């Protein structure tokens, strides 16, 4: 039914998303909050595992570009 690698991606990206949101609240920055919510809700909107991993990794490294 579910691919184990997709479930692993849900856990990894959801965990990093929670950390990004907490960091954004702590520093009062909107960019990490937005990226965090994007990572947490990403698995609900991606059609396949390939897109889940591709967009998830891009969002994980986008924090280095989006910071002030």
PDB file of N, CA and C in Angstrom:
ATOM      1  N   UNK A   1       0.832  -1.195   0.000  1.00  0.00           N
ATOM      2  CA  UNK A   1       0.000   0.000   0.000  1.00  0.00           C
ATOM      3  C   UNK A   1       0.876   1.258   0.000  1.00  0.00           C
ATOM      4  N   UNK A   2       1.673   1.426   1.034  1.00  0.00           N
ATOM      5  CA  UNK A   2       2.587   2.571   1.105  1.00  0.00           C
ATOM      6  C   UNK A   2       4.010   2.072   0.916  1.00  0.00           C
ATOM      7  N   UNK A   3       4.770   2.834   0.202  1.00  0.00           N
ATOM      8  CA  UNK A   3       6.176   2.510   0.023  1.00  0.00           C
ATOM      9  C   UNK A   3       6.926   2.912   1.295  1.00  0.00           C
ATOM     10  N   UNK A   4       7.797   2.049   1.810  1.00  0.00           N
ATOM     11  CA  UNK A   4       8.526   2.398   3.041  1.00  0.00           C
ATOM     12  C   UNK A   4       9.373   3.660   2.901  1.00  0.00           C
ATOM     13  N   UNK A   5       9.881   3.914   1.707  1.00  0.00           N
ATOM     14  CA  UNK A   5      10.695   5.105   1.502  1.00  0.00           C
ATOM     15  C   UNK A   5       9.842   6.384   1.534  1.00  0.00           C
ATOM     16  N   UNK A   6       8.597   6.263   1.118  1.00  0.00           N
ATOM     17  CA  UNK A   6       7.694   7.412   1.221  1.00  0.00           C
ATOM     18  C   UNK A   6       7.373   7.717   2.680  1.00  0.00           C
ATOM     19  N   UNK A   7       7.167   6.687   3.462  1.00  0.00           N
ATOM     20  CA  UNK A   7       6.899   6.893   4.888  1.00  0.00           C
ATOM     21  C   UNK A   7       8.123   7.493   5.573  1.00  0.00           C
ATOM     22  N   UNK A   8       9.301   7.035   5.192  1.00  0.00           N
ATOM     23  CA  UNK A   8      10.531   7.617   5.728  1.00  0.00           C
ATOM     24  C   UNK A   8      10.639   9.094   5.364  1.00  0.00           C
ATOM     25  N   UNK A   9      10.272   9.438   4.143  1.00  0.00           N
ATOM     26  CA  UNK A   9      10.298  10.841   3.717  1.00  0.00           C
ATOM     27  C   UNK A   9       9.309  11.665   4.527  1.00  0.00           C
ATOM     28  N   UNK A  10       8.123  11.120   4.800  1.00  0.00           N
ATOM     29  CA  UNK A  10       7.136  11.845   5.613  1.00  0.00           C
ATOM     30  C   UNK A  10       7.711  12.159   6.988  1.00  0.00           C
ATOM     31  N   UNK A  11       8.372  11.190   7.592  1.00  0.00           N
ATOM     32  CA  UNK A  11       8.938  11.391   8.936  1.00  0.00           C
ATOM     33  C   UNK A  11      10.081  12.404   8.899  1.00  0.00           C
ATOM     34  N   UNK A  12      10.973  12.262   7.927  1.00  0.00           N
ATOM     35  CA  UNK A  12      12.132  13.161   7.846  1.00  0.00           C
ATOM     36  C   UNK A  12      11.696  14.585   7.572  1.00  0.00           C
ATOM     37  N   UNK A  13      10.859  14.783   6.546  1.00  0.00           N
ATOM     38  CA  UNK A  13      10.468  16.140   6.179  1.00  0.00           C
ATOM     39  C   UNK A  13       9.551  16.760   7.225  1.00  0.00           C
ATOM     40  N   UNK A  14       8.707  15.965   7.855  1.00  0.00           N
ATOM     41  CA  UNK A  14       7.865  16.488   8.930  1.00  0.00           C
ATOM     42  C   UNK A  14       8.683  16.922  10.135  1.00  0.00           C
ATOM     43  N   UNK A  15       9.713  16.153  10.452  1.00  0.00           N
ATOM     44  CA  UNK A  15      10.577  16.508  11.588  1.00  0.00           C
ATOM     45  C   UNK A  15      11.358  17.786  11.309  1.00  0.00           C
ATOM     46  N   UNK A  16      11.953  17.872  10.138  1.00  0.00           N
ATOM     47  CA  UNK A  16      12.665  19.093   9.785  1.00  0.00           C
ATOM     48  C   UNK A  16      11.715  20.280   9.698  1.00  0.00           C
ATOM     49  N   UNK A  17      10.503  20.046   9.227  1.00  0.00           N
ATOM     50  CA  UNK A  17       9.510  21.116   9.170  1.00  0.00           C
ATOM     51  C   UNK A  17       9.189  21.662  10.544  1.00  0.00           C
ATOM     52  N   UNK A  18       9.045  20.771  11.518  1.00  0.00           N
ATOM     53  CA  UNK A  18       8.771  21.235  12.890  1.00  0.00           C
ATOM     54  C   UNK A  18       9.942  22.028  13.438  1.00  0.00           C
ATOM     55  N   UNK A  19      11.154  21.604  13.136  1.00  0.00           N
ATOM     56  CA  UNK A  19      12.343  22.331  13.595  1.00  0.00           C
ATOM     57  C   UNK A  19      12.413  23.705  12.935  1.00  0.00           C
ATOM     58  N   UNK A  20      12.114  23.777  11.639  1.00  0.00           N
ATOM     59  CA  UNK A  20      12.140  25.063  10.928  1.00  0.00           C
ATOM     60  C   UNK A  20      11.094  26.019  11.486  1.00  0.00           C
ATOM     61  N   UNK A  21       9.901  25.507  11.793  1.00  0.00           N
ATOM     62  CA  UNK A  21       8.852  26.372  12.359  1.00  0.00           C
ATOM     63  C   UNK A  21       9.269  26.862  13.743  1.00  0.00           C
ATOM     64  N   UNK A  22       9.821  25.987  14.563  1.00  0.00           N
ATOM     65  CA  UNK A  22      10.272  26.397  15.898  1.00  0.00           C
ATOM     66  C   UNK A  22      11.386  27.434  15.806  1.00  0.00           C
ATOM     67  N   UNK A  23      12.310  27.238  14.874  1.00  0.00           N
ATOM     68  CA  UNK A  23      13.388  28.213  14.672  1.00  0.00           C
ATOM     69  C   UNK A  23      12.825  29.557  14.213  1.00  0.00           C
ATOM     70  N   UNK A  24      11.858  29.506  13.317  1.00  0.00           N
ATOM     71  CA  UNK A  24      11.247  30.744  12.832  1.00  0.00           C
ATOM     72  C   UNK A  24      10.497  31.486  13.916  1.00  0.00           C
ATOM     73  N   UNK A  25       9.849  30.747  14.809  1.00  0.00           N
ATOM     74  CA  UNK A  25       9.155  31.397  15.927  1.00  0.00           C
ATOM     75  C   UNK A  25      10.164  31.977  16.917  1.00  0.00           C
ATOM     76  N   UNK A  26      11.256  31.255  17.125  1.00  0.00           N
ATOM     77  CA  UNK A  26      12.262  31.709  18.084  1.00  0.00           C
ATOM     78  C   UNK A  26      12.949  32.984  17.594  1.00  0.00           C
ATOM     79  N   UNK A  27      13.284  33.033  16.319  1.00  0.00           N
ATOM     80  CA  UNK A  27      13.964  34.202  15.753  1.00  0.00           C
ATOM     81  C   UNK A  27      12.994  35.239  15.183  1.00  0.00           C
ATOM     82  N   UNK A  28      11.708  34.933  15.178  1.00  0.00           N
ATOM     83  CA  UNK A  28      10.660  35.794  14.632  1.00  0.00           C
ATOM     84  C   UNK A  28      10.930  36.120  13.158  1.00  0.00           C
ATOM     85  N   UNK A  29      11.157  35.063  12.379  1.00  0.00           N
ATOM     86  CA  UNK A  29      11.388  35.173  10.941  1.00  0.00           C
ATOM     87  C   UNK A  29      10.291  34.406  10.207  1.00  0.00           C
ATOM     88  N   UNK A  30       9.783  34.969   9.128  1.00  0.00           N
ATOM     89  CA  UNK A  30       8.703  34.307   8.412  1.00  0.00           C
ATOM     90  C   UNK A  30       9.201  33.267   7.413  1.00  0.00           C
ATOM     91  N   UNK A  31      10.439  33.401   6.906  1.00  0.00           N
ATOM     92  CA  UNK A  31      10.944  32.471   5.911  1.00  0.00           C
ATOM     93  C   UNK A  31      11.077  31.042   6.453  1.00  0.00           C
ATOM     94  N   UNK A  32      11.702  30.836   7.618  1.00  0.00           N
ATOM     95  CA  UNK A  32      11.769  29.464   8.135  1.00  0.00           C
ATOM     96  C   UNK A  32      10.396  28.889   8.483  1.00  0.00           C
ATOM     97  N   UNK A  33       9.491  29.739   8.953  1.00  0.00           N
ATOM     98  CA  UNK A  33       8.145  29.252   9.246  1.00  0.00           C
ATOM     99  C   UNK A  33       7.464  28.749   7.984  1.00  0.00           C
ATOM    100  N   UNK A  34       7.569  29.518   6.903  1.00  0.00           N
ATOM    101  CA  UNK A  34       6.938  29.137   5.642  1.00  0.00           C
ATOM    102  C   UNK A  34       7.552  27.846   5.092  1.00  0.00           C
ATOM    103  N   UNK A  35       8.872  27.745   5.131  1.00  0.00           N
ATOM    104  CA  UNK A  35       9.528  26.524   4.681  1.00  0.00           C
ATOM    105  C   UNK A  35       9.152  25.337   5.557  1.00  0.00           C
ATOM    106  N   UNK A  36       9.030  25.564   6.853  1.00  0.00           N
ATOM    107  CA  UNK A  36       8.643  24.488   7.767  1.00  0.00           C
ATOM    108  C   UNK A  36       7.244  23.973   7.490  1.00  0.00           C
ATOM    109  N   UNK A  37       6.300  24.882   7.300  1.00  0.00           N
ATOM    110  CA  UNK A  37       4.944  24.446   6.977  1.00  0.00           C
ATOM    111  C   UNK A  37       4.905  23.767   5.614  1.00  0.00           C
ATOM    112  N   UNK A  38       5.718  24.258   4.688  1.00  0.00           N
ATOM    113  CA  UNK A  38       5.799  23.608   3.383  1.00  0.00           C
ATOM    114  C   UNK A  38       6.311  22.185   3.488  1.00  0.00           C
ATOM    115  N   UNK A  39       7.323  21.973   4.324  1.00  0.00           N
ATOM    116  CA  UNK A  39       7.856  20.623   4.514  1.00  0.00           C
ATOM    117  C   UNK A  39       6.858  19.711   5.216  1.00  0.00           C
ATOM    118  N   UNK A  40       6.112  20.256   6.171  1.00  0.00           N
ATOM    119  CA  UNK A  40       5.162  19.418   6.898  1.00  0.00           C
ATOM    120  C   UNK A  40       3.972  19.012   6.040  1.00  0.00           C
ATOM    121  N   UNK A  41       3.527  19.891   5.143  1.00  0.00           N
ATOM    122  CA  UNK A  41       2.355  19.585   4.331  1.00  0.00           C
ATOM    123  C   UNK A  41       2.703  19.050   2.949  1.00  0.00           C
ATOM    124  N   UNK A  42       3.972  18.972   2.621  1.00  0.00           N
ATOM    125  CA  UNK A  42       4.415  18.478   1.324  1.00  0.00           C
ATOM    126  C   UNK A  42       3.906  17.074   1.008  1.00  0.00           C
ATOM    127  N   UNK A  43       3.963  16.106   1.912  1.00  0.00           N
ATOM    128  CA  UNK A  43       3.529  14.744   1.549  1.00  0.00           C
ATOM    129  C   UNK A  43       2.060  14.645   1.150  1.00  0.00           C
ATOM    130  N   UNK A  44       1.248  15.587   1.552  1.00  0.00           N
ATOM    131  CA  UNK A  44      -0.169  15.519   1.219  1.00  0.00           C
ATOM    132  C   UNK A  44      -0.454  15.961  -0.216  1.00  0.00           C
ATOM    133  N   UNK A  45       0.476  16.636  -0.851  1.00  0.00           N
ATOM    134  CA  UNK A  45       0.224  17.210  -2.156  1.00  0.00           C
ATOM    135  C   UNK A  45       1.126  16.680  -3.269  1.00  0.00           C
ATOM    136  N   UNK A  46       2.002  15.745  -2.970  1.00  0.00           N
ATOM    137  CA  UNK A  46       2.882  15.214  -4.008  1.00  0.00           C
ATOM    138  C   UNK A  46       2.322  13.889  -4.539  1.00  0.00           C
ATOM    139  N   UNK A  47       2.331  13.710  -5.855  1.00  0.00           N
ATOM    140  CA  UNK A  47       1.700  12.523  -6.441  1.00  0.00           C
ATOM    141  C   UNK A  47       2.552  11.255  -6.384  1.00  0.00           C
ATOM    142  N   UNK A  48       3.869  11.384  -6.287  1.00  0.00           N
ATOM    143  CA  UNK A  48       4.712  10.189  -6.302  1.00  0.00           C
ATOM    144  C   UNK A  48       5.905  10.384  -5.367  1.00  0.00           C
ATOM    145  N   UNK A  49       6.593   9.286  -5.109  1.00  0.00           N
ATOM    146  CA  UNK A  49       7.761   9.330  -4.237  1.00  0.00           C
ATOM    147  C   UNK A  49       8.896  10.137  -4.811  1.00  0.00           C
ATOM    148  N   UNK A  50       9.043  10.098  -6.132  1.00  0.00           N
ATOM    149  CA  UNK A  50      10.107  10.882  -6.766  1.00  0.00           C
ATOM    150  C   UNK A  50       9.928  12.368  -6.483  1.00  0.00           C
ATOM    151  N   UNK A  51       8.713  12.875  -6.678  1.00  0.00           N
ATOM    152  CA  UNK A  51       8.457  14.299  -6.445  1.00  0.00           C
ATOM    153  C   UNK A  51       8.520  14.641  -4.962  1.00  0.00           C
ATOM    154  N   UNK A  52       8.124  13.720  -4.129  1.00  0.00           N
ATOM    155  CA  UNK A  52       8.208  13.944  -2.682  1.00  0.00           C
ATOM    156  C   UNK A  52       9.654  14.165  -2.267  1.00  0.00           C
ATOM    157  N   UNK A  53      10.546  13.283  -2.706  1.00  0.00           N
ATOM    158  CA  UNK A  53      11.947  13.415  -2.343  1.00  0.00           C
ATOM    159  C   UNK A  53      12.610  14.619  -3.020  1.00  0.00           C
ATOM    160  N   UNK A  54      12.275  14.867  -4.278  1.00  0.00           N
ATOM    161  CA  UNK A  54      12.900  15.976  -5.008  1.00  0.00           C
ATOM    162  C   UNK A  54      12.531  17.324  -4.403  1.00  0.00           C
ATOM    163  N   UNK A  55      11.245  17.559  -4.239  1.00  0.00           N
ATOM    164  CA  UNK A  55      10.800  18.851  -3.683  1.00  0.00           C
ATOM    165  C   UNK A  55      11.194  18.959  -2.214  1.00  0.00           C
ATOM    166  N   UNK A  56      11.162  17.862  -1.488  1.00  0.00           N
ATOM    167  CA  UNK A  56      11.554  17.884  -0.076  1.00  0.00           C
ATOM    168  C   UNK A  56      13.003  18.270   0.128  1.00  0.00           C
ATOM    169  N   UNK A  57      13.892  17.716  -0.677  1.00  0.00           N
ATOM    170  CA  UNK A  57      15.319  18.059  -0.552  1.00  0.00           C
ATOM    171  C   UNK A  57      15.554  19.506  -0.949  1.00  0.00           C
ATOM    172  N   UNK A  58      14.845  19.968  -1.970  1.00  0.00           N
ATOM    173  CA  UNK A  58      14.981  21.380  -2.373  1.00  0.00           C
ATOM    174  C   UNK A  58      14.533  22.295  -1.236  1.00  0.00           C
ATOM    175  N   UNK A  59      13.416  21.966  -0.599  1.00  0.00           N
ATOM    176  CA  UNK A  59      12.947  22.792   0.522  1.00  0.00           C
ATOM    177  C   UNK A  59      13.873  22.695   1.731  1.00  0.00           C
ATOM    178  N   UNK A  60      14.487  21.529   1.938  1.00  0.00           N
ATOM    179  CA  UNK A  60      15.428  21.403   3.050  1.00  0.00           C
ATOM    180  C   UNK A  60      16.617  22.348   2.889  1.00  0.00           C
ATOM    181  N   UNK A  61      17.130  22.456   1.671  1.00  0.00           N
ATOM    182  CA  UNK A  61      18.296  23.312   1.450  1.00  0.00           C
ATOM    183  C   UNK A  61      17.923  24.752   1.136  1.00  0.00           C
ATOM    184  N   UNK A  62      16.650  25.040   0.955  1.00  0.00           N
ATOM    185  CA  UNK A  62      16.219  26.412   0.686  1.00  0.00           C
ATOM    186  C   UNK A  62      16.392  27.307   1.901  1.00  0.00           C
ATOM    187  N   UNK A  63      16.525  26.735   3.085  1.00  0.00           N
ATOM    188  CA  UNK A  63      16.706  27.536   4.295  1.00  0.00           C
ATOM    189  C   UNK A  63      18.022  28.327   4.216  1.00  0.00           C
ATOM    190  N   UNK A  64      19.019  27.801   3.535  1.00  0.00           N
ATOM    191  CA  UNK A  64      20.296  28.491   3.423  1.00  0.00           C
ATOM    192  C   UNK A  64      20.210  29.663   2.446  1.00  0.00           C
ATOM    193  N   UNK A  65      19.270  29.610   1.525  1.00  0.00           N
ATOM    194  CA  UNK A  65      19.080  30.698   0.574  1.00  0.00           C
ATOM    195  C   UNK A  65      18.130  31.746   1.146  1.00  0.00           C
ATOM    196  N   UNK A  66      17.135  31.305   1.903  1.00  0.00           N
ATOM    197  CA  UNK A  66      16.066  32.200   2.359  1.00  0.00           C
ATOM    198  C   UNK A  66      16.427  32.997   3.607  1.00  0.00           C
ATOM    199  N   UNK A  67      17.485  32.643   4.280  1.00  0.00           N
ATOM    200  CA  UNK A  67      17.808  33.360   5.520  1.00  0.00           C
ATOM    201  C   UNK A  67      18.319  34.767   5.227  1.00  0.00           C
ATOM    202  N   UNK A  68      18.129  35.628   6.166  1.00  0.00           N
ATOM    203  CA  UNK A  68      18.535  37.031   5.981  1.00  0.00           C
ATOM    204  C   UNK A  68      19.971  37.259   6.376  1.00  0.00           C
TER     205      UNK A  68
END
